[in-house]
Amino acid sequence: FISSGINAEYGVQRVGEMMDLPYSPLRNFAQTVFIRGSVPTQKALAACQILHPECLEQMSREAWLGLYSKDIDITDSDNVRGFAAAAGVPDPEKLFEFSRGPEARQQLIDNTKEALDSKCFGAPWITVTNPATGRREKFFGHDRIEMIGWVIGKEYKGHTPPPPL
């Protein structure tokens, strides 16, 4: 358990470096990630997926930054509302209230079932639709970004590509 927590924390730090996101070690990684968890935030993200899908990616980033850059409690209702506001959700309170209802709960269950049915075994687990075949392709790990680009026909130049010469 302890070694998996150390490896997980190191992985989060490396993803932060790759994505050019500020990372600050959590005061207690195992307590925060494995015990406190993130269910209220996951339900809010599921609600965002339903009500404001255009804000979902940014709200996910805001939650990541809250946890791994600021070490704040992402299960706190005020913080969840703050992630929604920072992501441009028009009415964060409405989103938060919706996240506490059955539709958001079911969306989270459906998302989890889809991940398990596709044999997801870690994070990040990425699913893309191959435009040539229409088939949904699954990838594990941030080191698969170039392969994802190849599958969808896009060249990946890195998160922060160098300026043109």
Protein backbone atom coordinates (compact mmCIF):
# COMPACT_ATOMS: atom_id res chain seq x y z
CA PHE A 1 0.00 0.00 0.00
CA ILE A 2 2.76 2.44 0.94
CA SER A 3 4.86 1.72 -2.15
CA SER A 4 1.83 2.09 -4.44
CA GLY A 5 1.14 5.47 -2.83
CA ILE A 6 4.73 6.58 -3.40
CA ASN A 7 4.59 5.43 -7.03
CA ALA A 8 1.22 7.12 -7.55
CA GLU A 9 2.49 10.39 -6.10
CA TYR A 10 5.58 10.27 -8.32
CA GLY A 11 3.35 9.61 -11.34
CA VAL A 12 1.16 12.62 -10.52
CA GLN A 13 4.27 14.79 -10.19
CA ARG A 14 5.54 13.67 -13.61
CA VAL A 15 2.15 14.29 -15.26
CA GLY A 16 2.21 17.79 -13.78
CA GLU A 17 5.65 18.40 -15.26
CA MET A 18 4.61 17.05 -18.66
CA MET A 19 1.43 19.14 -18.74
CA ASP A 20 3.21 22.23 -17.39
CA LEU A 21 0.92 22.30 -14.35
CA PRO A 22 2.23 23.40 -10.98
CA TYR A 23 2.58 20.50 -8.54
CA SER A 24 3.02 20.69 -4.80
CA PRO A 25 3.33 17.47 -2.78
CA LEU A 26 0.28 16.70 -0.67
CA ARG A 27 0.78 16.85 3.07
CA ASN A 28 -0.58 13.30 3.33
CA PHE A 29 -0.93 11.67 -0.10
CA ALA A 30 -2.32 8.32 1.10
CA GLN A 31 -4.91 9.91 3.43
CA THR A 32 -6.03 12.40 0.78
CA VAL A 33 -6.17 10.09 -2.24
CA PHE A 34 -6.95 6.67 -0.84
CA ILE A 35 -9.11 7.49 2.21
CA ARG A 36 -10.81 10.88 1.71
CA GLY A 37 -11.22 10.27 -2.00
CA SER A 38 -13.02 12.47 -4.48
CA VAL A 39 -16.62 11.27 -4.84
CA PRO A 40 -18.31 14.70 -4.45
CA THR A 41 -16.03 16.13 -7.14
CA GLN A 42 -16.60 13.11 -9.39
CA LYS A 43 -20.37 13.59 -9.03
CA ALA A 44 -19.98 17.29 -9.85
CA LEU A 45 -17.93 16.39 -12.93
CA ALA A 46 -20.65 13.92 -13.96
CA ALA A 47 -23.21 16.71 -13.52
CA CYS A 48 -21.03 18.97 -15.65
CA GLN A 49 -20.85 16.24 -18.30
CA ILE A 50 -24.66 16.31 -18.45
CA LEU A 51 -25.41 20.03 -18.05
CA HIS A 52 -22.32 21.77 -19.46
CA PRO A 53 -20.12 19.34 -21.39
CA GLU A 54 -18.22 22.29 -22.91
CA CYS A 55 -16.90 23.08 -19.38
CA LEU A 56 -16.00 19.51 -18.40
CA GLU A 57 -12.34 19.53 -19.39
CA GLN A 58 -11.65 22.85 -17.67
CA MET A 59 -13.52 21.80 -14.53
CA SER A 60 -11.43 18.61 -14.44
CA ARG A 61 -8.27 20.74 -14.68
CA GLU A 62 -9.48 23.03 -11.90
CA ALA A 63 -10.06 20.05 -9.62
CA TRP A 64 -6.59 18.66 -10.45
CA LEU A 65 -5.01 22.03 -9.69
CA GLY A 66 -6.97 22.32 -6.45
CA LEU A 67 -5.77 18.94 -5.26
CA TYR A 68 -2.25 18.67 -6.62
CA SER A 69 -1.17 22.31 -6.73
CA LYS A 70 -2.95 23.79 -3.73
CA ASP A 71 -3.54 20.69 -1.57
CA ILE A 72 -7.12 21.74 -0.84
CA ASP A 73 -9.94 19.39 0.09
CA ILE A 74 -11.65 18.59 -3.20
CA THR A 75 -14.56 17.00 -1.32
CA ASP A 76 -15.48 20.34 0.28
CA SER A 77 -18.68 21.71 -1.27
CA ASP A 78 -17.37 25.29 -1.49
CA ASN A 79 -14.27 24.08 -3.31
CA VAL A 80 -16.37 22.02 -5.75
CA ARG A 81 -18.44 25.13 -6.51
CA GLY A 82 -15.18 27.05 -6.99
CA PHE A 83 -13.94 24.52 -9.57
CA ALA A 84 -17.20 24.94 -11.47
CA ALA A 85 -17.01 28.74 -11.33
CA ALA A 86 -13.38 28.77 -12.48
CA ALA A 87 -14.34 26.49 -15.38
CA GLY A 88 -16.97 28.94 -16.59
CA VAL A 89 -20.05 26.98 -15.50
CA PRO A 90 -22.87 29.58 -15.69
CA ASP A 91 -24.52 28.61 -12.37
CA PRO A 92 -22.14 26.67 -10.09
CA GLU A 93 -24.77 26.37 -7.35
CA LYS A 94 -27.25 24.76 -9.74
CA LEU A 95 -24.55 22.35 -10.94
CA PHE A 96 -23.64 21.47 -7.35
CA GLU A 97 -27.27 20.80 -6.40
CA PHE A 98 -27.73 18.70 -9.56
CA SER A 99 -24.59 16.73 -8.61
CA ARG A 100 -26.32 15.56 -5.44
CA GLY A 101 -29.24 14.04 -7.37
CA PRO A 102 -29.94 10.73 -9.06
CA GLU A 103 -29.03 11.76 -12.63
CA ALA A 104 -25.46 12.77 -11.74
CA ARG A 105 -25.08 9.68 -9.57
CA GLN A 106 -26.23 7.49 -12.46
CA GLN A 107 -23.86 9.27 -14.88
CA LEU A 108 -20.95 8.53 -12.53
CA ILE A 109 -22.06 4.90 -12.26
CA ASP A 110 -22.33 4.67 -16.06
CA ASN A 111 -18.89 6.26 -16.51
CA THR A 112 -17.40 3.81 -13.99
CA LYS A 113 -19.13 0.84 -15.63
CA GLU A 114 -17.85 1.91 -19.06
CA ALA A 115 -14.31 2.11 -17.68
CA LEU A 116 -14.55 -1.30 -16.01
CA ASP A 117 -16.18 -2.90 -19.05
CA SER A 118 -13.32 -1.62 -21.20
CA LYS A 119 -10.82 -3.25 -18.79
CA CYS A 120 -9.58 0.07 -17.43
CA PHE A 121 -6.84 -0.52 -14.90
CA GLY A 122 -5.34 2.86 -14.08
CA ALA A 123 -5.15 6.54 -14.78
CA PRO A 124 -5.07 8.12 -17.14
CA TRP A 125 -7.36 5.81 -19.08
CA ILE A 126 -8.17 7.43 -22.42
CA THR A 127 -10.80 6.37 -24.94
CA VAL A 128 -10.86 7.87 -28.43
CA THR A 129 -12.87 7.10 -31.54
CA ASN A 130 -10.75 6.14 -34.51
CA PRO A 131 -12.10 8.36 -37.33
CA ALA A 132 -11.11 5.84 -40.02
CA THR A 133 -12.86 2.84 -38.47
CA GLY A 134 -15.34 4.36 -36.02
CA ARG A 135 -13.96 1.94 -33.42
CA ARG A 136 -13.41 3.12 -29.85
CA GLU A 137 -9.74 2.65 -28.94
CA LYS A 138 -8.51 2.52 -25.35
CA PHE A 139 -5.15 3.62 -23.98
CA PHE A 140 -3.53 3.55 -20.55
CA GLY A 141 -0.87 6.01 -19.48
CA HIS A 142 0.24 9.49 -20.38
CA ASP A 143 3.09 7.99 -22.39
CA ARG A 144 0.53 6.87 -25.00
CA ILE A 145 -0.31 10.39 -26.21
CA GLU A 146 1.76 10.03 -29.41
CA MET A 147 0.05 6.72 -30.19
CA ILE A 148 -3.37 8.34 -29.67
CA GLY A 149 -2.37 11.05 -32.14
CA TRP A 150 -1.41 8.39 -34.66
CA VAL A 151 -4.76 6.58 -34.23
CA ILE A 152 -6.81 9.75 -34.74
CA GLY A 153 -4.58 11.07 -37.53
CA LYS A 154 -3.08 14.02 -35.65
CA GLU A 155 0.59 14.74 -35.06
CA TYR A 156 1.41 15.21 -31.40
CA LYS A 157 4.11 17.80 -30.82
CA GLY A 158 4.01 17.74 -27.05
CA HIS A 159 1.86 19.59 -24.57
CA THR A 160 3.88 22.74 -25.06
CA PRO A 161 5.28 22.47 -28.56
CA PRO A 162 8.36 24.51 -29.37
CA PRO A 163 7.82 27.76 -31.26
CA PRO A 164 8.21 27.58 -35.04
CA LEU A 165 11.71 28.26 -36.32
